Structure formats: structure tokens, C-alpha cells
Amino acid sequence: MLTRAFKDKEFMKKVLMIALPIIIQQLLLTTFGIVDTVMVGSIDRGIAGVGLASQLSMIASTIIFGVNIGVGLYIAQFMGRIESENIKRSFALMVSLCLMVASIFTYVALFHGEAIIRIFNQEDDVVHIANEYLQLVAFSYIPNMLTFSFAITYRNIQKTTVPMMVSFVTMIVNVIFNYLLIFGIWFFPQMGVRGAAIATIISTSVGFIFHIVYAISTKQIFVPMVRHFKEAFQRKFNAPILKRTIPFVVNETFFSIGSALYVVIFNGLGTDAYEGYRMAETIVSVMFVIGMGLFSAAGAMIGQQLGRNDFEQAKRYADNFLALGLVIAIVLGTLNVVLARPMVSIFQNTNDAVIENAVKVTMVFGLRVALRIFVGLMFSIFRAGGKSKFVMFIDAGVMWLVGLPLAYIAYQYGGIRDIALLFLIIQLEPLARIVISMTAYFKNTWQHNIVSNLRA
């Protein structure tokens, strides 16, 4: 199976066509994210403050991800059948749901932000910085999360160069304004973390406007008219979609809350430990970019074949993706361990304790990267076939049944206070996912055409 994947020229060509622009996009996002973190790191406790403030947007983003994945899998299968009207209705439904979620989180951030931050950390200086950032960055939630809907849709119709270009423009704008507003360059005031928040508002708004203008001017297949928004909320159209989407949203909600609880535990180890974890997480995100490209390619390619009822081709694609993913997982995991210290060394204005924590956690992330890439591919295959409840169980379910209890027991009763060791123990969580996923995969229960009877 391994050699077949690399010898299948038609498969590799499609993978590269879809995945390469996404990889470049994610690489740009990650690289500029590291630059942002380095700039924020110049502010005392800036990394911790912005990291804590970002927990709310991370929860919102994962819920939005659930919405986009749930509705997006229908767009992928509709694209396999070239049903443009249903693609427009699906996109209208996706955007409407995302707008509602983003609006709710904007309200929560503006009026209850400090109370939420204090769940994670009680240090007044860190809370002050986090809240100062959150009160402004909340205004970026709506444009940022709607932009994500465009990006997911382009991936499902296999036009991944568009979000890549938008991301490039957005990140350039973000880095420039971060530099100008954090440090007070030229005639701009020195605003610290507030400057970072304003830069995020400006850049996300630019990206959202760019998407709207481009999609309308080029007459993209998913651009809806007013009637498509009305039709999207007709029960006979949206009921089957929501039935499969809700488990994705529930999964992402519980997964994001679980991730936030990990942050609570990590903060219990001290701010130095948490800042080390945040630095490692930011650096290692570079390694995940290839995985992001593969996940999107797998979902789009397998979803289209299932929409055409070509189950044999869908299975061949899935086998090839798993073989390709295994090789990439091993290579990236090894690189992550070998390059841990050189990658962390870019943070020069941070104390030694934070740096050492970051190096050790980065090494553990080598295992995390390898496992997560393989798990992510399994999820993409199951999602393409509409197995939303099963994904909910092996994703959020395993986190709450395996990962969180392990972390809590190790911290509370095992007396473990080393962030790297605690993080290593948590990696039993993705191992459990792989065992469960592979058992289900070989039963072929994921091969479903979910759009054959769906009409507005």
C-alpha cells in the first residue's frame, strides 16, 4: 500500500494540487504567527496574557470549525455531482450559522472577558494584559470566522490557491501593523498588546473584504443570492445537514473546552511553564502545516468520490492517504525532536526557565505531531463519509475519557510538576484514537453518499 500511493501519479497530482496551496497558506500563517509571538514576547508576560485571551477565540474557532466541516462535507459531495444550487444553499447556511456563533462570542468577550480569563490564571498582571487585549480583539471575531467559512468552501471545491493568497495579504498586513502599533514606530503610538489586538482587527477585516469582493467579481460557484439564504433555512434542506453537523459542533465544543482545561492544569504549574508550552506550541505549528494540507485534500477528494457513488476509488484514495501520512508523520516527528533547541532559540528576550520548558515540550511535540497527523487523516476520511457521531466519540470522547483524567490524576495525585512529562503522559490520548479508528476503518463503515436524496 505504501509504494502504491507514491506510484499513483494521478493521486499524487491531485493531492499536490489541493494540498500545496494549503501548506503554503498554513506555513505563511504559522511563520507570521511566530513573528507575532516574538514581538508580543517583548512585553513582560505578553505571551501568557495574549495566550490566555486567545482561549476564548480558540473555543469559538473550534465550534466554527465544526460548523464548517459539517456543512462543508455536503459542499464537497455536491461538488462531485456539480449541483450548484445546493452548493449555494449550503454556503448560505454555513455563513449564517458562523455569524451567529461569532456574534455570541463577541458579546461574551466584551462583557464577561475578565471573568473567563480568571478561570485560567489569577495573577493580576497577567489577567490585566489578557483583558486589555481581549476587549479589542473581540471585534475581529466576526470577520475572522466568516473568512474561515470562505477558506473551507474553497478547499471543498478544490480551489485552494484563493485562500492562500488572501492569507498572504492578511498576514503581511497583520505583521506590519503589529510592528507599528506594538512598538510605536513612525507616527504610530506605542500601544503594546492593544496594538497587537488592533492589528488583528485590521488584518482580519482586510481578508474578509478581499474574499467578498473576489468571490462576487469572479462569480464563484458557491456565491449565494438572497433566495439561497431563505432556501437554506427550509427544513427539508437543512434538517439532514444539521443532523450531521450538530455532532461535529458538539465534538468541537467539548474538545475546545477540554483544551481549555488543559490550559488550566498547565497554568497550575506556573506562568513559566505555561509560557514555555505556548512558545513550543507556536513553533511546532510549523510542523502541522503539511498535515493541514493532507487533511483538506483527503476530505475533498474522498468526499467527491463518495458523492459520485464511486466507493472503490474512495477506498483507494483513503488507503493512499494513510500510507502517505505514515511516512510524513515519522519524518516530521523526527525533525521536531532534532530541531527543538534551534527552533526555540528565536525567542531571545525570555528567561531561561521558560526557554528550557519550551525546548522539552517541543521535543514531546515530536510524538504529538506524528500521532496527530495520522489521527487527522482518519478524521478526514470519516468526516467525508458523514460519520459525525463516530468522530465525536473518538475526538472529544477520548479526550474526556482518557486525556483529561490522565492529566488531572498525574497533576493532582501523581505530583507531577514538570510540564514536559505531564504533556508526554497526555499523548496516550491520540494513541487511543488511533487504535479505535483503525478498527473502524478496516470495516469500511465510513463509505456513504450523504447527498443522494437531499434537495431544497
Protein backbone atom coordinates (compact mmCIF):
# COMPACT_ATOMS: atom_id res chain seq x y z
CA MET A 1 0.00 0.00 0.00
CA LEU A 2 2.91 2.33 0.78
CA THR A 3 4.61 2.04 -2.61
CA ARG A 4 1.26 2.13 -4.44
CA ALA A 5 0.48 5.56 -3.02
CA PHE A 6 3.72 7.10 -4.28
CA LYS A 7 3.49 5.35 -7.67
CA ASP A 8 -0.10 6.54 -8.26
CA LYS A 9 0.67 9.64 -10.34
CA GLU A 10 -2.97 10.66 -10.74
CA PHE A 11 -3.46 10.54 -6.97
CA MET A 12 -0.25 12.41 -6.15
CA LYS A 13 -1.04 15.10 -8.73
CA LYS A 14 -4.45 15.75 -7.16
CA VAL A 15 -3.02 15.75 -3.65
CA LEU A 16 -0.37 18.30 -4.58
CA MET A 17 -2.89 20.46 -6.46
CA ILE A 18 -5.13 20.72 -3.39
CA ALA A 19 -2.65 20.38 -0.54
CA LEU A 20 0.27 22.50 -1.74
CA PRO A 21 -1.56 25.87 -1.66
CA ILE A 22 -2.96 24.98 1.78
CA ILE A 23 0.50 24.03 3.03
CA ILE A 24 1.91 27.32 1.73
CA GLN A 25 -1.02 29.19 3.31
CA GLN A 26 -0.59 27.49 6.67
CA LEU A 27 3.17 27.97 6.51
CA LEU A 28 2.67 31.69 5.99
CA LEU A 29 0.15 31.85 8.83
CA THR A 30 2.45 29.92 11.13
CA THR A 31 5.58 31.87 10.24
CA PHE A 32 3.87 35.21 10.72
CA GLY A 33 2.32 33.83 13.91
CA ILE A 34 5.79 33.11 15.25
CA VAL A 35 6.88 36.64 14.31
CA ASP A 36 3.84 37.99 16.17
CA THR A 37 4.69 35.88 19.22
CA VAL A 38 8.28 37.12 19.20
CA MET A 39 7.03 40.74 19.12
CA VAL A 40 4.46 40.13 21.85
CA GLY A 41 7.20 38.33 23.82
CA SER A 42 8.99 41.67 24.18
CA ILE A 43 6.18 42.73 26.53
CA ASP A 44 6.50 41.45 30.08
CA ARG A 45 4.10 38.48 30.42
CA GLY A 46 2.79 39.34 26.95
CA ILE A 47 2.92 35.74 25.69
CA ALA A 48 0.97 34.47 28.70
CA GLY A 49 -1.55 37.33 28.54
CA VAL A 50 -2.28 37.02 24.83
CA GLY A 51 -2.30 33.22 25.15
CA LEU A 52 -4.95 33.35 27.86
CA ALA A 53 -7.04 35.91 25.98
CA SER A 54 -6.86 33.68 22.92
CA GLN A 55 -8.54 30.78 24.75
CA LEU A 56 -11.98 32.27 24.11
CA SER A 57 -11.33 32.77 20.40
CA MET A 58 -9.92 29.24 20.22
CA ILE A 59 -13.16 27.86 21.65
CA ALA A 60 -15.15 29.95 19.17
CA SER A 61 -12.91 28.90 16.28
CA THR A 62 -13.24 25.20 17.05
CA ILE A 63 -17.03 25.48 17.18
CA ILE A 64 -16.93 27.36 13.87
CA PHE A 65 -14.67 24.60 12.56
CA GLY A 66 -17.36 22.06 13.48
CA VAL A 67 -19.98 24.06 11.58
CA ASN A 68 -17.75 24.49 8.55
CA ILE A 69 -16.67 20.85 8.46
CA GLY A 70 -20.24 19.60 8.87
CA VAL A 71 -21.71 21.78 6.14
CA GLY A 72 -18.51 21.62 4.09
CA LEU A 73 -18.66 17.86 3.62
CA TYR A 74 -22.00 18.42 1.84
CA ILE A 75 -20.39 21.05 -0.38
CA ALA A 76 -17.67 18.54 -1.29
CA GLN A 77 -20.20 15.85 -2.23
CA PHE A 78 -22.45 18.34 -4.04
CA MET A 79 -19.38 19.41 -6.00
CA GLY A 80 -18.88 15.80 -7.05
CA ARG A 81 -22.37 15.97 -8.59
CA ILE A 82 -21.96 19.59 -9.84
CA GLU A 83 -25.16 20.71 -8.04
CA SER A 84 -24.50 24.47 -7.98
CA GLU A 85 -27.83 25.46 -6.40
CA ASN A 86 -27.29 23.16 -3.46
CA ILE A 87 -23.70 24.38 -3.11
CA LYS A 88 -25.02 27.97 -2.83
CA ARG A 89 -27.64 26.96 -0.27
CA SER A 90 -25.04 25.09 1.76
CA PHE A 91 -22.68 28.06 1.79
CA ALA A 92 -25.53 30.38 2.80
CA LEU A 93 -26.34 28.05 5.69
CA MET A 94 -22.67 27.85 6.69
CA VAL A 95 -22.19 31.63 6.74
CA SER A 96 -25.42 32.23 8.67
CA LEU A 97 -24.52 29.71 11.39
CA CYS A 98 -20.98 31.07 11.68
CA LEU A 99 -22.25 34.64 12.01
CA MET A 100 -24.49 33.61 14.89
CA VAL A 101 -21.68 31.81 16.74
CA ALA A 102 -19.18 34.63 16.18
CA SER A 103 -21.68 37.24 17.42
CA ILE A 104 -22.33 35.31 20.64
CA PHE A 105 -18.60 35.02 21.40
CA THR A 106 -18.04 38.69 20.63
CA TYR A 107 -20.65 39.57 23.26
CA VAL A 108 -19.13 37.18 25.80
CA ALA A 109 -15.62 38.55 25.25
CA LEU A 110 -16.71 42.18 25.62
CA PHE A 111 -18.88 41.81 28.70
CA HIS A 112 -17.57 38.74 30.53
CA GLY A 113 -13.96 38.55 29.32
CA GLU A 114 -12.12 39.15 32.59
CA ALA A 115 -14.21 36.59 34.49
CA ILE A 116 -13.36 33.96 31.88
CA ILE A 117 -9.64 34.84 31.93
CA ARG A 118 -9.54 34.39 35.71
CA ILE A 119 -10.64 30.79 35.28
CA PHE A 120 -7.21 30.12 33.79
CA ASN A 121 -4.96 32.43 35.79
CA GLN A 122 -5.27 34.51 38.98
CA GLU A 123 -2.13 36.62 38.60
CA ASP A 124 -3.32 40.24 38.35
CA ASP A 125 -0.60 41.42 35.95
CA VAL A 126 -1.27 38.56 33.51
CA VAL A 127 -5.05 39.00 33.80
CA HIS A 128 -4.73 42.74 33.15
CA ILE A 129 -2.72 42.20 29.96
CA ALA A 130 -5.05 39.44 28.77
CA ASN A 131 -8.19 41.50 29.33
CA GLU A 132 -6.66 44.59 27.73
CA TYR A 133 -6.00 42.54 24.61
CA LEU A 134 -9.36 40.72 24.66
CA GLN A 135 -11.52 43.85 24.87
CA LEU A 136 -10.21 44.95 21.49
CA VAL A 137 -9.50 41.70 19.66
CA ALA A 138 -13.14 40.62 20.20
CA PHE A 139 -14.07 42.90 17.29
CA SER A 140 -12.07 40.65 14.96
CA TYR A 141 -14.14 37.54 15.71
CA ILE A 142 -16.85 38.08 13.11
CA PRO A 143 -14.65 38.92 10.07
CA ASN A 144 -12.09 36.27 11.06
CA MET A 145 -14.59 33.44 11.46
CA LEU A 146 -16.53 34.31 8.31
CA THR A 147 -13.22 34.34 6.43
CA PHE A 148 -12.70 30.78 7.65
CA SER A 149 -16.00 29.79 6.00
CA PHE A 150 -14.71 31.04 2.66
CA ALA A 151 -11.43 29.15 3.11
CA ILE A 152 -13.15 25.84 3.94
CA THR A 153 -15.51 26.23 0.99
CA TYR A 154 -12.67 26.85 -1.45
CA ARG A 155 -10.96 23.72 -0.15
CA ASN A 156 -14.07 21.63 -0.71
CA ILE A 157 -14.43 22.83 -4.30
CA GLN A 158 -10.66 22.26 -4.77
CA LYS A 159 -9.67 25.89 -5.38
CA THR A 160 -7.13 26.24 -2.61
CA THR A 161 -4.97 28.96 -4.17
CA VAL A 162 -7.55 31.64 -3.35
CA PRO A 163 -7.43 31.36 0.47
CA MET A 164 -3.66 31.04 0.18
CA MET A 165 -3.39 34.45 -1.49
CA VAL A 166 -5.85 36.04 0.94
CA SER A 167 -3.90 34.65 3.89
CA PHE A 168 -0.68 36.05 2.49
CA VAL A 169 -2.15 39.56 2.21
CA THR A 170 -3.79 39.28 5.64
CA MET A 171 -0.64 38.17 7.41
CA ILE A 172 1.50 40.84 5.78
CA VAL A 173 -0.96 43.49 6.97
CA ASN A 174 -1.04 41.93 10.45
CA VAL A 175 2.75 41.81 10.89
CA ILE A 176 3.22 45.38 9.60
CA PHE A 177 0.61 46.85 11.93
CA ASN A 178 1.83 44.70 14.83
CA TYR A 179 5.28 46.18 14.40
CA LEU A 180 4.00 49.74 14.05
CA LEU A 181 1.48 49.63 16.90
CA ILE A 182 3.24 47.43 19.47
CA PHE A 183 6.48 49.41 19.40
CA GLY A 184 5.19 52.83 18.28
CA ILE A 185 7.10 53.12 15.00
CA TRP A 186 6.94 56.28 12.85
CA PHE A 187 3.97 58.43 13.88
CA PHE A 188 2.03 55.49 15.37
CA PRO A 189 1.58 55.40 19.18
CA GLN A 190 3.26 52.68 21.26
CA MET A 191 0.28 50.53 22.33
CA GLY A 192 1.76 47.20 23.45
CA VAL A 193 -0.79 44.37 23.50
CA ARG A 194 -3.56 46.79 22.49
CA GLY A 195 -1.59 47.43 19.31
CA ALA A 196 -1.43 43.70 18.62
CA ALA A 197 -5.21 43.49 19.02
CA ILE A 198 -5.84 46.42 16.67
CA ALA A 199 -3.50 44.88 14.09
CA THR A 200 -5.59 41.70 14.25
CA ILE A 201 -8.83 43.65 13.70
CA ILE A 202 -7.38 45.47 10.68
CA SER A 203 -5.90 42.37 9.06
CA THR A 204 -8.95 40.12 9.52
CA SER A 205 -11.23 42.84 8.14
CA VAL A 206 -8.99 43.23 5.10
CA GLY A 207 -9.08 39.46 4.49
CA PHE A 208 -12.86 39.27 4.81
CA ILE A 209 -13.45 42.18 2.42
CA PHE A 210 -10.98 40.65 -0.05
CA HIS A 211 -12.91 37.35 0.00
CA ILE A 212 -16.27 39.02 -0.61
CA VAL A 213 -15.04 41.18 -3.47
CA TYR A 214 -13.14 38.36 -5.16
CA ALA A 215 -15.92 35.77 -4.86
CA ILE A 216 -18.55 38.13 -6.29
CA SER A 217 -16.38 39.57 -9.07
CA THR A 218 -15.27 36.11 -10.27
CA LYS A 219 -18.75 34.58 -9.91
CA GLN A 220 -17.64 31.66 -7.75
CA ILE A 221 -19.98 28.66 -7.81
CA PHE A 222 -20.85 28.99 -4.10
CA VAL A 223 -21.81 32.71 -4.05
CA PRO A 224 -25.46 32.80 -2.92
CA MET A 225 -28.28 35.20 -3.70
CA VAL A 226 -30.85 36.32 -1.12
CA ARG A 227 -33.19 33.47 -2.05
CA HIS A 228 -30.49 30.92 -1.27
CA PHE A 229 -30.36 32.15 2.33
CA LYS A 230 -34.14 31.66 2.57
CA GLU A 231 -33.95 28.21 0.98
CA ALA A 232 -31.07 27.25 3.26
CA PHE A 233 -33.36 27.55 6.26
CA GLN A 234 -36.08 25.38 4.77
CA ARG A 235 -36.34 22.33 6.95
CA LYS A 236 -36.37 19.82 4.10
CA PHE A 237 -32.97 21.11 3.00
CA ASN A 238 -31.16 21.86 6.25
CA ALA A 239 -32.51 19.10 8.51
CA PRO A 240 -30.23 16.34 7.12
CA ILE A 241 -27.26 18.73 7.08
CA LEU A 242 -27.83 19.88 10.66
CA LYS A 243 -28.32 16.28 11.77
CA ARG A 244 -24.75 15.51 10.69
CA THR A 245 -23.32 18.92 11.56
CA ILE A 246 -24.55 19.09 15.17
CA PRO A 247 -22.33 16.17 16.31
CA PHE A 248 -19.34 17.97 14.75
CA VAL A 249 -20.26 21.15 16.63
CA VAL A 250 -20.79 19.23 19.88
CA ASN A 251 -17.46 17.50 19.33
CA GLU A 252 -15.58 20.74 18.71
CA THR A 253 -17.30 22.43 21.66
CA PHE A 254 -16.29 19.73 24.12
CA PHE A 255 -12.86 19.42 22.52
CA SER A 256 -12.24 23.16 22.89
CA ILE A 257 -13.47 23.15 26.49
CA GLY A 258 -11.21 20.17 27.15
CA SER A 259 -8.27 22.02 25.61
CA ALA A 260 -9.05 24.97 27.85
CA LEU A 261 -9.00 22.66 30.87
CA TYR A 262 -5.54 21.51 29.84
CA VAL A 263 -4.52 25.17 29.92
CA VAL A 264 -5.92 25.45 33.46
CA ILE A 265 -3.75 22.49 34.51
CA PHE A 266 -0.67 23.85 32.71
CA ASN A 267 -1.14 27.22 34.42
CA GLY A 268 -1.19 25.36 37.73
CA LEU A 269 2.46 24.51 37.04
CA GLY A 270 3.31 28.22 36.99
CA THR A 271 3.47 31.01 34.41
CA ASP A 272 6.98 29.98 33.31
CA ALA A 273 5.70 26.50 32.46
CA TYR A 274 2.69 27.86 30.58
CA GLU A 275 4.74 30.38 28.60
CA GLY A 276 7.15 27.57 27.68
CA TYR A 277 4.21 25.49 26.45
CA ARG A 278 2.83 28.43 24.43
CA MET A 279 6.20 29.04 22.81
CA ALA A 280 6.56 25.35 21.91
CA GLU A 281 3.01 25.21 20.58
CA THR A 282 3.64 28.23 18.36
CA ILE A 283 6.91 26.85 16.99
CA VAL A 284 5.61 23.33 16.40
CA SER A 285 2.63 24.64 14.43
CA VAL A 286 5.11 24.84 11.53
CA MET A 287 5.24 21.05 11.54
CA PHE A 288 1.46 20.75 11.34
CA VAL A 289 1.15 22.66 8.06
CA ILE A 290 1.71 19.58 5.89
CA GLY A 291 -0.90 17.74 7.90
CA MET A 292 -3.42 20.54 7.31
CA GLY A 293 -2.89 20.24 3.56
CA LEU A 294 -3.28 16.47 3.63
CA PHE A 295 -6.45 16.64 5.76
CA SER A 296 -8.11 19.07 3.36
CA ALA A 297 -7.07 17.10 0.29
CA ALA A 298 -8.35 13.86 1.82
CA GLY A 299 -11.72 15.35 2.72
CA ALA A 300 -12.26 16.96 -0.68
CA MET A 301 -11.04 14.06 -2.83
CA ILE A 302 -12.73 11.27 -0.89
CA GLY A 303 -15.91 13.31 -0.43
CA GLN A 304 -16.27 13.89 -4.17
CA GLN A 305 -15.84 10.19 -4.95
CA LEU A 306 -18.44 9.25 -2.35
CA GLY A 307 -20.81 11.85 -3.85
CA ARG A 308 -20.38 10.07 -7.21
CA ASN A 309 -21.00 6.65 -5.59
CA ASP A 310 -17.50 5.56 -6.61
CA PHE A 311 -16.75 3.72 -3.37
CA GLU A 312 -13.87 1.72 -4.83
CA GLN A 313 -12.00 4.89 -5.81
CA ALA A 314 -12.79 6.48 -2.44
CA LYS A 315 -11.25 3.48 -0.66
CA ARG A 316 -8.18 3.60 -2.88
CA TYR A 317 -7.72 7.29 -2.09
CA ALA A 318 -8.16 6.63 1.63
CA ASP A 319 -5.56 3.82 1.63
CA ASN A 320 -3.12 6.04 -0.24
CA PHE A 321 -3.61 8.93 2.18
CA LEU A 322 -2.91 6.73 5.18
CA ALA A 323 0.26 5.37 3.59
CA LEU A 324 1.42 8.87 2.68
CA GLY A 325 0.51 10.15 6.14
CA LEU A 326 2.53 7.43 7.88
CA VAL A 327 5.73 8.45 6.10
CA ILE A 328 5.16 12.16 6.69
CA ALA A 329 4.30 11.60 10.36
CA ILE A 330 7.58 9.76 11.02
CA VAL A 331 9.69 12.34 9.17
CA LEU A 332 8.09 15.38 10.83
CA GLY A 333 8.13 13.83 14.28
CA THR A 334 11.84 13.12 14.00
CA LEU A 335 12.64 16.61 12.69
CA ASN A 336 10.71 18.13 15.55
CA VAL A 337 12.88 16.39 18.15
CA VAL A 338 16.17 17.12 16.37
CA LEU A 339 15.42 20.81 15.76
CA ALA A 340 13.78 21.58 19.13
CA ARG A 341 16.53 23.77 20.61
CA PRO A 342 17.39 25.67 17.41
CA MET A 343 13.71 26.49 16.87
CA VAL A 344 13.22 27.72 20.44
CA SER A 345 16.36 29.86 20.21
CA ILE A 346 14.49 32.50 18.19
CA PHE A 347 13.00 33.70 21.49
CA GLN A 348 15.92 35.65 22.92
CA ASN A 349 14.18 38.03 25.32
CA THR A 350 12.70 35.35 27.57
CA ASN A 351 14.01 33.97 30.86
CA ASP A 352 15.99 30.71 30.97
CA ALA A 353 13.28 28.73 32.79
CA VAL A 354 10.76 29.45 30.05
CA ILE A 355 13.28 28.54 27.33
CA GLU A 356 14.12 25.19 28.93
CA ASN A 357 10.45 24.35 29.36
CA ALA A 358 9.86 25.25 25.71
CA VAL A 359 12.70 23.01 24.49
CA LYS A 360 11.48 19.98 26.45
CA VAL A 361 7.85 20.45 25.42
CA THR A 362 8.90 20.93 21.79
CA MET A 363 10.62 17.54 21.89
CA VAL A 364 7.47 15.90 23.22
CA PHE A 365 5.58 17.64 20.44
CA GLY A 366 7.61 15.45 18.06
CA LEU A 367 5.49 12.50 19.18
CA ARG A 368 2.39 14.68 19.20
CA VAL A 369 2.93 15.77 15.59
CA ALA A 370 3.40 12.21 14.34
CA LEU A 371 0.30 10.91 16.11
CA ARG A 372 -1.85 13.91 15.26
CA ILE A 373 -1.16 13.71 11.53
CA PHE A 374 -2.27 10.10 11.40
CA VAL A 375 -5.31 10.77 13.57
CA GLY A 376 -6.21 13.82 11.48
CA LEU A 377 -6.24 11.77 8.30
CA MET A 378 -8.54 9.21 9.91
CA PHE A 379 -10.88 12.02 10.93
CA SER A 380 -10.88 13.45 7.39
CA ILE A 381 -11.84 10.06 5.95
CA PHE A 382 -14.66 9.52 8.45
CA ARG A 383 -15.94 13.09 8.03
CA ALA A 384 -16.01 12.72 4.24
CA GLY A 385 -18.39 9.80 4.72
CA GLY A 386 -20.56 11.71 7.19
CA LYS A 387 -19.56 9.67 10.28
CA SER A 388 -20.04 12.68 12.54
CA LYS A 389 -21.14 10.84 15.69
CA PHE A 390 -18.22 8.43 15.47
CA VAL A 391 -15.76 11.32 15.04
CA MET A 392 -17.36 13.00 18.06
CA PHE A 393 -16.69 9.90 20.15
CA ILE A 394 -13.07 9.33 19.13
CA ASP A 395 -12.17 13.03 19.27
CA ALA A 396 -13.87 14.76 22.21
CA GLY A 397 -14.98 11.49 23.78
CA VAL A 398 -11.47 10.07 24.05
CA MET A 399 -10.17 13.43 25.32
CA TRP A 400 -12.66 13.46 28.19
CA LEU A 401 -12.43 9.73 28.93
CA VAL A 402 -8.66 9.30 28.56
CA GLY A 403 -6.63 12.51 28.18
CA LEU A 404 -8.17 14.82 30.78
CA PRO A 405 -8.44 12.17 33.54
CA LEU A 406 -4.79 11.21 32.93
CA ALA A 407 -3.67 14.84 33.11
CA TYR A 408 -5.68 15.52 36.27
CA ILE A 409 -4.54 12.36 38.06
CA ALA A 410 -0.90 12.94 37.11
CA TYR A 411 -1.05 16.55 38.32
CA GLN A 412 -3.28 16.22 41.36
CA TYR A 413 -2.33 12.81 42.71
CA GLY A 414 0.92 11.92 40.92
CA GLY A 415 2.56 15.16 41.99
CA ILE A 416 3.98 15.76 38.51
CA ARG A 417 5.09 19.39 38.14
CA ASP A 418 7.24 19.06 35.02
CA ILE A 419 5.30 20.43 32.03
CA ALA A 420 7.12 18.20 29.52
CA LEU A 421 6.48 14.99 31.48
CA LEU A 422 2.84 15.87 32.00
CA PHE A 423 2.45 16.63 28.29
CA LEU A 424 4.10 13.30 27.43
CA ILE A 425 1.58 11.38 29.54
CA ILE A 426 -1.26 13.10 27.69
CA GLN A 427 -0.04 11.57 24.40
CA LEU A 428 -1.76 8.33 25.40
CA GLU A 429 -4.89 10.15 24.24
CA PRO A 430 -4.07 10.20 20.46
CA LEU A 431 -2.72 6.64 20.74
CA ALA A 432 -6.16 5.51 21.94
CA ARG A 433 -7.75 7.34 19.00
CA ILE A 434 -5.56 5.50 16.50
CA VAL A 435 -6.44 2.07 17.92
CA ILE A 436 -10.19 2.79 17.78
CA SER A 437 -10.03 4.50 14.37
CA MET A 438 -8.09 1.75 12.60
CA THR A 439 -10.53 -0.88 13.83
CA ALA A 440 -13.44 1.06 12.32
CA TYR A 441 -11.57 1.95 9.14
CA PHE A 442 -10.98 -1.62 8.05
CA LYS A 443 -14.70 -2.40 8.47
CA ASN A 444 -15.43 0.15 5.67
CA THR A 445 -18.45 1.55 7.51
CA TRP A 446 -17.45 5.12 6.54
CA GLN A 447 -18.33 4.81 2.83
CA HIS A 448 -21.58 6.78 2.44
CA ASN A 449 -23.14 9.05 -0.17
CA ILE A 450 -24.91 11.59 2.05
CA VAL A 451 -26.36 13.86 -0.65
CA SER A 452 -28.19 11.42 -2.94
CA ASN A 453 -31.64 12.30 -1.61
CA LEU A 454 -31.04 15.88 -0.48
CA ARG A 455 -32.98 18.58 -2.31
CA ALA A 456 -34.30 22.04 -1.40
